[in-house]
PDB file of N, CA and C in Angstrom:
ATOM      1  N   MET A   1      -9.421  -4.155   9.467  1.00  0.00           N
ATOM      2  CA  MET A   1      -9.770  -4.018   8.059  1.00  0.00           C
ATOM      3  C   MET A   1      -8.730  -4.769   7.241  1.00  0.00           C
ATOM      4  N   SER A   2      -9.069  -5.980   6.878  1.00  0.00           N
ATOM      5  CA  SER A   2      -8.112  -6.843   6.189  1.00  0.00           C
ATOM      6  C   SER A   2      -7.723  -6.306   4.817  1.00  0.00           C
ATOM      7  N   GLY A   3      -8.603  -5.578   4.164  1.00  0.00           N
ATOM      8  CA  GLY A   3      -8.273  -5.006   2.857  1.00  0.00           C
ATOM      9  C   GLY A   3      -7.105  -4.052   2.943  1.00  0.00           C
ATOM     10  N   ALA A   4      -7.066  -3.248   3.999  1.00  0.00           N
ATOM     11  CA  ALA A   4      -5.963  -2.308   4.175  1.00  0.00           C
ATOM     12  C   ALA A   4      -4.672  -3.059   4.458  1.00  0.00           C
ATOM     13  N   ALA A   5      -4.754  -4.094   5.284  1.00  0.00           N
ATOM     14  CA  ALA A   5      -3.554  -4.883   5.583  1.00  0.00           C
ATOM     15  C   ALA A   5      -3.029  -5.550   4.320  1.00  0.00           C
ATOM     16  N   GLU A   6      -3.929  -6.056   3.501  1.00  0.00           N
ATOM     17  CA  GLU A   6      -3.548  -6.688   2.240  1.00  0.00           C
ATOM     18  C   GLU A   6      -2.866  -5.658   1.333  1.00  0.00           C
ATOM     19  N   MET A   7      -3.414  -4.454   1.310  1.00  0.00           N
ATOM     20  CA  MET A   7      -2.867  -3.394   0.486  1.00  0.00           C
ATOM     21  C   MET A   7      -1.464  -3.002   0.949  1.00  0.00           C
ATOM     22  N   VAL A   8      -1.269  -2.862   2.247  1.00  0.00           N
ATOM     23  CA  VAL A   8       0.031  -2.486   2.788  1.00  0.00           C
ATOM     24  C   VAL A   8       1.061  -3.574   2.495  1.00  0.00           C
ATOM     25  N   SER A   9       0.685  -4.802   2.693  1.00  0.00           N
ATOM     26  CA  SER A   9       1.594  -5.919   2.432  1.00  0.00           C
ATOM     27  C   SER A   9       2.006  -5.967   0.967  1.00  0.00           C
ATOM     28  N   ALA A  10       1.049  -5.869   0.086  1.00  0.00           N
ATOM     29  CA  ALA A  10       1.349  -5.912  -1.348  1.00  0.00           C
ATOM     30  C   ALA A  10       2.164  -4.700  -1.768  1.00  0.00           C
ATOM     31  N   GLY A  11       1.812  -3.530  -1.248  1.00  0.00           N
ATOM     32  CA  GLY A  11       2.556  -2.315  -1.591  1.00  0.00           C
ATOM     33  C   GLY A  11       4.008  -2.409  -1.177  1.00  0.00           C
ATOM     34  N   THR A  12       4.244  -2.942   0.001  1.00  0.00           N
ATOM     35  CA  THR A  12       5.616  -3.114   0.478  1.00  0.00           C
ATOM     36  C   THR A  12       6.378  -4.070  -0.430  1.00  0.00           C
ATOM     37  N   SER A  13       5.749  -5.155  -0.820  1.00  0.00           N
ATOM     38  CA  SER A  13       6.399  -6.117  -1.714  1.00  0.00           C
ATOM     39  C   SER A  13       6.709  -5.491  -3.066  1.00  0.00           C
ATOM     40  N   ILE A  14       5.775  -4.734  -3.587  1.00  0.00           N
ATOM     41  CA  ILE A  14       5.987  -4.070  -4.877  1.00  0.00           C
ATOM     42  C   ILE A  14       7.131  -3.074  -4.769  1.00  0.00           C
ATOM     43  N   PHE A  15       7.150  -2.286  -3.690  1.00  0.00           N
ATOM     44  CA  PHE A  15       8.238  -1.329  -3.513  1.00  0.00           C
ATOM     45  C   PHE A  15       9.583  -2.049  -3.488  1.00  0.00           C
ATOM     46  N   GLU A  16       9.680  -3.107  -2.685  1.00  0.00           N
ATOM     47  CA  GLU A  16      10.935  -3.849  -2.571  1.00  0.00           C
ATOM     48  C   GLU A  16      11.359  -4.429  -3.918  1.00  0.00           C
ATOM     49  N   PHE A  17      10.413  -4.974  -4.638  1.00  0.00           N
ATOM     50  CA  PHE A  17      10.719  -5.568  -5.935  1.00  0.00           C
ATOM     51  C   PHE A  17      11.193  -4.503  -6.923  1.00  0.00           C
ATOM     52  N   ARG A  18      10.448  -3.411  -7.005  1.00  0.00           N
ATOM     53  CA  ARG A  18      10.765  -2.370  -7.984  1.00  0.00           C
ATOM     54  C   ARG A  18      12.022  -1.593  -7.625  1.00  0.00           C
ATOM     55  N   SER A  19      12.368  -1.553  -6.346  1.00  0.00           N
ATOM     56  CA  SER A  19      13.575  -0.820  -5.947  1.00  0.00           C
ATOM     57  C   SER A  19      14.834  -1.675  -6.075  1.00  0.00           C
ATOM     58  N   GLY A  20      14.674  -2.927  -6.487  1.00  0.00           N
ATOM     59  CA  GLY A  20      15.828  -3.773  -6.754  1.00  0.00           C
ATOM     60  C   GLY A  20      16.160  -4.764  -5.656  1.00  0.00           C
ATOM     61  N   SER A  21      15.396  -4.800  -4.597  1.00  0.00           N
ATOM     62  CA  SER A  21      15.668  -5.723  -3.494  1.00  0.00           C
ATOM     63  C   SER A  21      14.896  -7.017  -3.723  1.00  0.00           C
ATOM     64  N   ARG A  22      15.410  -7.861  -4.605  1.00  0.00           N
ATOM     65  CA  ARG A  22      14.693  -9.067  -5.005  1.00  0.00           C
ATOM     66  C   ARG A  22      15.079 -10.300  -4.195  1.00  0.00           C
ATOM     67  N   ALA A  23      16.060 -10.199  -3.327  1.00  0.00           N
ATOM     68  CA  ALA A  23      16.576 -11.380  -2.636  1.00  0.00           C
ATOM     69  C   ALA A  23      15.526 -12.072  -1.778  1.00  0.00           C
ATOM     70  N   TRP A  24      14.658 -11.352  -1.104  1.00  0.00           N
ATOM     71  CA  TRP A  24      13.693 -11.944  -0.176  1.00  0.00           C
ATOM     72  C   TRP A  24      12.362 -12.246  -0.827  1.00  0.00           C
ATOM     73  N   VAL A  25      12.189 -11.879  -2.072  1.00  0.00           N
ATOM     74  CA  VAL A  25      10.899 -11.930  -2.735  1.00  0.00           C
ATOM     75  C   VAL A  25      10.321 -13.343  -2.813  1.00  0.00           C
ATOM     76  N   GLY A  26      11.150 -14.340  -3.033  1.00  0.00           N
ATOM     77  CA  GLY A  26      10.645 -15.706  -3.093  1.00  0.00           C
ATOM     78  C   GLY A  26       9.909 -15.995  -4.380  1.00  0.00           C
ATOM     79  N   SER A  27       8.807 -16.708  -4.268  1.00  0.00           N
ATOM     80  CA  SER A  27       8.120 -17.209  -5.457  1.00  0.00           C
ATOM     81  C   SER A  27       6.993 -16.305  -5.939  1.00  0.00           C
ATOM     82  N   PHE A  28       6.744 -15.206  -5.276  1.00  0.00           N
ATOM     83  CA  PHE A  28       5.639 -14.336  -5.688  1.00  0.00           C
ATOM     84  C   PHE A  28       5.975 -13.584  -6.957  1.00  0.00           C
ATOM     85  N   GLU A  29       4.959 -13.268  -7.687  1.00  0.00           N
ATOM     86  CA  GLU A  29       5.096 -12.516  -8.919  1.00  0.00           C
ATOM     87  C   GLU A  29       4.503 -11.128  -8.732  1.00  0.00           C
ATOM     88  N   PRO A  30       5.076 -10.116  -9.365  1.00  0.00           N
ATOM     89  CA  PRO A  30       4.523  -8.774  -9.252  1.00  0.00           C
ATOM     90  C   PRO A  30       3.043  -8.696  -9.628  1.00  0.00           C
ATOM     91  N   SER A  31       2.595  -9.511 -10.579  1.00  0.00           N
ATOM     92  CA  SER A  31       1.179  -9.476 -10.968  1.00  0.00           C
ATOM     93  C   SER A  31       0.280  -9.930  -9.820  1.00  0.00           C
ATOM     94  N   GLU A  32       0.762 -10.876  -8.997  1.00  0.00           N
ATOM     95  CA  GLU A  32      -0.010 -11.303  -7.827  1.00  0.00           C
ATOM     96  C   GLU A  32      -0.119 -10.161  -6.823  1.00  0.00           C
ATOM     97  N   TRP A  33       0.983  -9.446  -6.633  1.00  0.00           N
ATOM     98  CA  TRP A  33       0.957  -8.314  -5.701  1.00  0.00           C
ATOM     99  C   TRP A  33       0.042  -7.212  -6.216  1.00  0.00           C
ATOM    100  N   GLN A  34       0.090  -6.995  -7.527  1.00  0.00           N
ATOM    101  CA  GLN A  34      -0.769  -5.961  -8.099  1.00  0.00           C
ATOM    102  C   GLN A  34      -2.235  -6.310  -7.863  1.00  0.00           C
ATOM    103  N   ALA A  35      -2.610  -7.554  -8.056  1.00  0.00           N
ATOM    104  CA  ALA A  35      -3.992  -7.975  -7.815  1.00  0.00           C
ATOM    105  C   ALA A  35      -4.356  -7.806  -6.345  1.00  0.00           C
ATOM    106  N   GLN A  36      -3.444  -8.178  -5.459  1.00  0.00           N
ATOM    107  CA  GLN A  36      -3.670  -8.027  -4.017  1.00  0.00           C
ATOM    108  C   GLN A  36      -3.806  -6.550  -3.655  1.00  0.00           C
ATOM    109  N   LEU A  37      -2.955  -5.727  -4.232  1.00  0.00           N
ATOM    110  CA  LEU A  37      -3.011  -4.291  -3.984  1.00  0.00           C
ATOM    111  C   LEU A  37      -4.345  -3.712  -4.444  1.00  0.00           C
ATOM    112  N   GLN A  38      -4.797  -4.126  -5.611  1.00  0.00           N
ATOM    113  CA  GLN A  38      -6.064  -3.618  -6.140  1.00  0.00           C
ATOM    114  C   GLN A  38      -7.255  -4.092  -5.303  1.00  0.00           C
ATOM    115  N   ARG A  39      -7.223  -5.317  -4.807  1.00  0.00           N
ATOM    116  CA  ARG A  39      -8.311  -5.788  -3.925  1.00  0.00           C
ATOM    117  C   ARG A  39      -8.358  -4.943  -2.657  1.00  0.00           C
ATOM    118  N   GLY A  40      -7.190  -4.668  -2.094  1.00  0.00           N
ATOM    119  CA  GLY A  40      -7.141  -3.830  -0.898  1.00  0.00           C
ATOM    120  C   GLY A  40      -7.636  -2.428  -1.172  1.00  0.00           C
ATOM    121  N   ARG A  41      -7.244  -1.864  -2.297  1.00  0.00           N
ATOM    122  CA  ARG A  41      -7.716  -0.520  -2.661  1.00  0.00           C
ATOM    123  C   ARG A  41      -9.227  -0.509  -2.842  1.00  0.00           C
ATOM    124  N   ALA A  42      -9.769  -1.553  -3.417  1.00  0.00           N
ATOM    125  CA  ALA A  42     -11.225  -1.618  -3.609  1.00  0.00           C
ATOM    126  C   ALA A  42     -11.949  -1.565  -2.271  1.00  0.00           C
ATOM    127  N   VAL A  43     -11.423  -2.281  -1.289  1.00  0.00           N
ATOM    128  CA  VAL A  43     -12.034  -2.255   0.050  1.00  0.00           C
ATOM    129  C   VAL A  43     -11.928  -0.863   0.641  1.00  0.00           C
ATOM    130  N   VAL A  44     -10.752  -0.278   0.582  1.00  0.00           N
ATOM    131  CA  VAL A  44     -10.549   1.060   1.147  1.00  0.00           C
ATOM    132  C   VAL A  44     -11.450   2.073   0.443  1.00  0.00           C
ATOM    133  N   HIS A  45     -11.537   2.005  -0.870  1.00  0.00           N
ATOM    134  CA  HIS A  45     -12.355   2.966  -1.616  1.00  0.00           C
ATOM    135  C   HIS A  45     -13.847   2.761  -1.376  1.00  0.00           C
ATOM    136  N   THR A  46     -14.233   1.565  -1.028  1.00  0.00           N
ATOM    137  CA  THR A  46     -15.643   1.295  -0.753  1.00  0.00           C
ATOM    138  C   THR A  46     -16.045   1.741   0.647  1.00  0.00           C
ATOM    139  N   LEU A  47     -15.161   1.559   1.610  1.00  0.00           N
ATOM    140  CA  LEU A  47     -15.533   1.743   3.009  1.00  0.00           C
ATOM    141  C   LEU A  47     -15.001   3.008   3.673  1.00  0.00           C
ATOM    142  N   CYS A  48     -14.025   3.658   3.088  1.00  0.00           N
ATOM    143  CA  CYS A  48     -13.337   4.734   3.800  1.00  0.00           C
ATOM    144  C   CYS A  48     -13.671   6.123   3.259  1.00  0.00           C
ATOM    145  N   SER A  49     -13.289   7.108   4.056  1.00  0.00           N
ATOM    146  CA  SER A  49     -13.516   8.514   3.711  1.00  0.00           C
ATOM    147  C   SER A  49     -12.579   8.955   2.589  1.00  0.00           C
ATOM    148  N   GLU A  50     -12.867  10.114   2.042  1.00  0.00           N
ATOM    149  CA  GLU A  50     -12.052  10.659   0.962  1.00  0.00           C
ATOM    150  C   GLU A  50     -10.602  10.869   1.413  1.00  0.00           C
ATOM    151  N   GLU A  51     -10.403  11.347   2.633  1.00  0.00           N
ATOM    152  CA  GLU A  51      -9.044  11.570   3.134  1.00  0.00           C
ATOM    153  C   GLU A  51      -8.250  10.260   3.149  1.00  0.00           C
ATOM    154  N   THR A  52      -8.846   9.219   3.674  1.00  0.00           N
ATOM    155  CA  THR A  52      -8.156   7.930   3.739  1.00  0.00           C
ATOM    156  C   THR A  52      -7.908   7.386   2.340  1.00  0.00           C
ATOM    157  N   ARG A  53      -8.867   7.541   1.448  1.00  0.00           N
ATOM    158  CA  ARG A  53      -8.679   7.088   0.060  1.00  0.00           C
ATOM    159  C   ARG A  53      -7.524   7.831  -0.605  1.00  0.00           C
ATOM    160  N   GLU A  54      -7.426   9.143  -0.371  1.00  0.00           N
ATOM    161  CA  GLU A  54      -6.336   9.927  -0.963  1.00  0.00           C
ATOM    162  C   GLU A  54      -4.981   9.461  -0.447  1.00  0.00           C
ATOM    163  N   HIS A  55      -4.904   9.180   0.847  1.00  0.00           N
ATOM    164  CA  HIS A  55      -3.644   8.679   1.415  1.00  0.00           C
ATOM    165  C   HIS A  55      -3.325   7.288   0.883  1.00  0.00           C
ATOM    166  N   ALA A  56      -4.337   6.463   0.702  1.00  0.00           N
ATOM    167  CA  ALA A  56      -4.124   5.134   0.134  1.00  0.00           C
ATOM    168  C   ALA A  56      -3.577   5.252  -1.289  1.00  0.00           C
ATOM    169  N   ASN A  57      -4.149   6.143  -2.073  1.00  0.00           N
ATOM    170  CA  ASN A  57      -3.679   6.332  -3.444  1.00  0.00           C
ATOM    171  C   ASN A  57      -2.240   6.840  -3.474  1.00  0.00           C
ATOM    172  N   ALA A  58      -1.908   7.757  -2.577  1.00  0.00           N
ATOM    173  CA  ALA A  58      -0.539   8.277  -2.518  1.00  0.00           C
ATOM    174  C   ALA A  58       0.442   7.163  -2.157  1.00  0.00           C
ATOM    175  N   TYR A  59       0.035   6.290  -1.242  1.00  0.00           N
ATOM    176  CA  TYR A  59       0.887   5.170  -0.862  1.00  0.00           C
ATOM    177  C   TYR A  59       1.114   4.232  -2.054  1.00  0.00           C
ATOM    178  N   VAL A  60       0.047   3.904  -2.760  1.00  0.00           N
ATOM    179  CA  VAL A  60       0.166   3.016  -3.927  1.00  0.00           C
ATOM    180  C   VAL A  60       1.100   3.625  -4.963  1.00  0.00           C
ATOM    181  N   LYS A  61       0.936   4.902  -5.248  1.00  0.00           N
ATOM    182  CA  LYS A  61       1.798   5.564  -6.236  1.00  0.00           C
ATOM    183  C   LYS A  61       3.254   5.542  -5.786  1.00  0.00           C
ATOM    184  N   ALA A  62       3.492   5.794  -4.515  1.00  0.00           N
ATOM    185  CA  ALA A  62       4.868   5.777  -4.003  1.00  0.00           C
ATOM    186  C   ALA A  62       5.485   4.389  -4.143  1.00  0.00           C
ATOM    187  N   CYS A  63       4.681   3.366  -3.901  1.00  0.00           N
ATOM    188  CA  CYS A  63       5.194   1.990  -4.038  1.00  0.00           C
ATOM    189  C   CYS A  63       5.554   1.671  -5.477  1.00  0.00           C
ATOM    190  N   TRP A  64       4.719   2.073  -6.408  1.00  0.00           N
ATOM    191  CA  TRP A  64       4.999   1.777  -7.809  1.00  0.00           C
ATOM    192  C   TRP A  64       6.188   2.560  -8.326  1.00  0.00           C
ATOM    193  N   ARG A  65       6.357   3.803  -7.847  1.00  0.00           N
ATOM    194  CA  ARG A  65       7.520   4.584  -8.293  1.00  0.00           C
ATOM    195  C   ARG A  65       8.804   3.992  -7.725  1.00  0.00           C
ATOM    196  N   ALA A  66       8.772   3.611  -6.455  1.00  0.00           N
ATOM    197  CA  ALA A  66       9.905   2.973  -5.773  1.00  0.00           C
ATOM    198  C   ALA A  66      11.205   3.740  -5.953  1.00  0.00           C
ATOM    199  N   ASP A  67      11.110   5.058  -6.031  1.00  0.00           N
ATOM    200  CA  ASP A  67      12.326   5.847  -6.229  1.00  0.00           C
ATOM    201  C   ASP A  67      12.751   6.609  -4.978  1.00  0.00           C
ATOM    202  N   ASP A  68      11.896   6.666  -3.977  1.00  0.00           N
ATOM    203  CA  ASP A  68      12.207   7.431  -2.778  1.00  0.00           C
ATOM    204  C   ASP A  68      11.641   6.696  -1.564  1.00  0.00           C
ATOM    205  N   GLU A  69      12.510   5.991  -0.880  1.00  0.00           N
ATOM    206  CA  GLU A  69      12.056   5.181   0.254  1.00  0.00           C
ATOM    207  C   GLU A  69      11.418   6.039   1.344  1.00  0.00           C
ATOM    208  N   GLU A  70      12.010   7.191   1.620  1.00  0.00           N
ATOM    209  CA  GLU A  70      11.459   8.067   2.662  1.00  0.00           C
ATOM    210  C   GLU A  70      10.060   8.564   2.293  1.00  0.00           C
ATOM    211  N   ALA A  71       9.849   8.905   1.035  1.00  0.00           N
ATOM    212  CA  ALA A  71       8.523   9.347   0.596  1.00  0.00           C
ATOM    213  C   ALA A  71       7.513   8.210   0.720  1.00  0.00           C
ATOM    214  N   SER A  72       7.948   6.993   0.412  1.00  0.00           N
ATOM    215  CA  SER A  72       7.060   5.840   0.544  1.00  0.00           C
ATOM    216  C   SER A  72       6.693   5.593   2.000  1.00  0.00           C
ATOM    217  N   ILE A  73       7.661   5.739   2.877  1.00  0.00           N
ATOM    218  CA  ILE A  73       7.392   5.557   4.309  1.00  0.00           C
ATOM    219  C   ILE A  73       6.433   6.628   4.809  1.00  0.00           C
ATOM    220  N   ARG A  74       6.651   7.867   4.409  1.00  0.00           N
ATOM    221  CA  ARG A  74       5.736   8.953   4.816  1.00  0.00           C
ATOM    222  C   ARG A  74       4.321   8.707   4.291  1.00  0.00           C
ATOM    223  N   ALA A  75       4.211   8.220   3.057  1.00  0.00           N
ATOM    224  CA  ALA A  75       2.892   7.934   2.482  1.00  0.00           C
ATOM    225  C   ALA A  75       2.205   6.814   3.252  1.00  0.00           C
ATOM    226  N   LEU A  76       2.965   5.790   3.625  1.00  0.00           N
ATOM    227  CA  LEU A  76       2.406   4.696   4.423  1.00  0.00           C
ATOM    228  C   LEU A  76       1.968   5.198   5.791  1.00  0.00           C
ATOM    229  N   GLN A  77       2.780   6.011   6.417  1.00  0.00           N
ATOM    230  CA  GLN A  77       2.430   6.556   7.731  1.00  0.00           C
ATOM    231  C   GLN A  77       1.170   7.415   7.661  1.00  0.00           C
ATOM    232  N   ALA A  78       1.053   8.234   6.629  1.00  0.00           N
ATOM    233  CA  ALA A  78      -0.137   9.080   6.476  1.00  0.00           C
ATOM    234  C   ALA A  78      -1.378   8.224   6.245  1.00  0.00           C
ATOM    235  N   PHE A  79      -1.237   7.181   5.440  1.00  0.00           N
ATOM    236  CA  PHE A  79      -2.361   6.291   5.176  1.00  0.00           C
ATOM    237  C   PHE A  79      -2.809   5.586   6.452  1.00  0.00           C
ATOM    238  N   THR A  80      -1.860   4.991   7.165  1.00  0.00           N
ATOM    239  CA  THR A  80      -2.240   4.256   8.376  1.00  0.00           C
ATOM    240  C   THR A  80      -2.783   5.185   9.452  1.00  0.00           C
ATOM    241  N   ALA A  81      -2.255   6.413   9.544  1.00  0.00           N
ATOM    242  CA  ALA A  81      -2.784   7.374  10.522  1.00  0.00           C
ATOM    243  C   ALA A  81      -4.225   7.739  10.186  1.00  0.00           C
ATOM    244  N   ALA A  82      -4.502   7.991   8.913  1.00  0.00           N
ATOM    245  CA  ALA A  82      -5.874   8.331   8.497  1.00  0.00           C
ATOM    246  C   ALA A  82      -6.806   7.154   8.742  1.00  0.00           C
ATOM    247  N   LEU A  83      -6.346   5.966   8.443  1.00  0.00           N
ATOM    248  CA  LEU A  83      -7.157   4.770   8.656  1.00  0.00           C
ATOM    249  C   LEU A  83      -7.440   4.568  10.142  1.00  0.00           C
ATOM    250  N   ARG A  84      -6.447   4.750  10.972  1.00  0.00           N
ATOM    251  CA  ARG A  84      -6.645   4.602  12.414  1.00  0.00           C
ATOM    252  C   ARG A  84      -7.643   5.623  12.954  1.00  0.00           C
ATOM    253  N   ARG A  85      -7.522   6.863  12.491  1.00  0.00           N
ATOM    254  CA  ARG A  85      -8.500   7.886  12.921  1.00  0.00           C
ATOM    255  C   ARG A  85      -9.915   7.474  12.528  1.00  0.00           C
ATOM    256  N   GLU A  86     -10.010   6.960  11.326  1.00  0.00           N
ATOM    257  CA  GLU A  86     -11.330   6.596  10.806  1.00  0.00           C
ATOM    258  C   GLU A  86     -11.976   5.439  11.562  1.00  0.00           C
ATOM    259  N   ILE A  87     -11.167   4.453  11.934  1.00  0.00           N
ATOM    260  CA  ILE A  87     -11.752   3.307  12.608  1.00  0.00           C
ATOM    261  C   ILE A  87     -11.693   3.442  14.141  1.00  0.00           C
ATOM    262  N   GLY A  88     -11.128   4.566  14.596  1.00  0.00           N
ATOM    263  CA  GLY A  88     -11.114   4.829  16.031  1.00  0.00           C
ATOM    264  C   GLY A  88     -10.129   3.979  16.791  1.00  0.00           C
ATOM    265  N   SER A  89      -8.998   3.707  16.182  1.00  0.00           N
ATOM    266  CA  SER A  89      -7.993   2.856  16.827  1.00  0.00           C
ATOM    267  C   SER A  89      -6.816   3.680  17.279  1.00  0.00           C
TER     268      SER A  89
END
């Protein structure tokens, strides 16, 4: 599910940017990541169950807050676990 991968990639970039780790960011702009994140969320919200959508939303919120790395990691783990259950992987 490329939408989920796009969402995870963009969320990670947003978290890194917002938490102050700008050294590796390169030429990307936060607005590009936001658009990528929203495209991924649209795919997840269209194709996935309510549980997976809720975990996706929690992950996105954690990335935007960028105040607790451990909470962001837990949100990502919960999202990917729900997604894996859903697609049978």
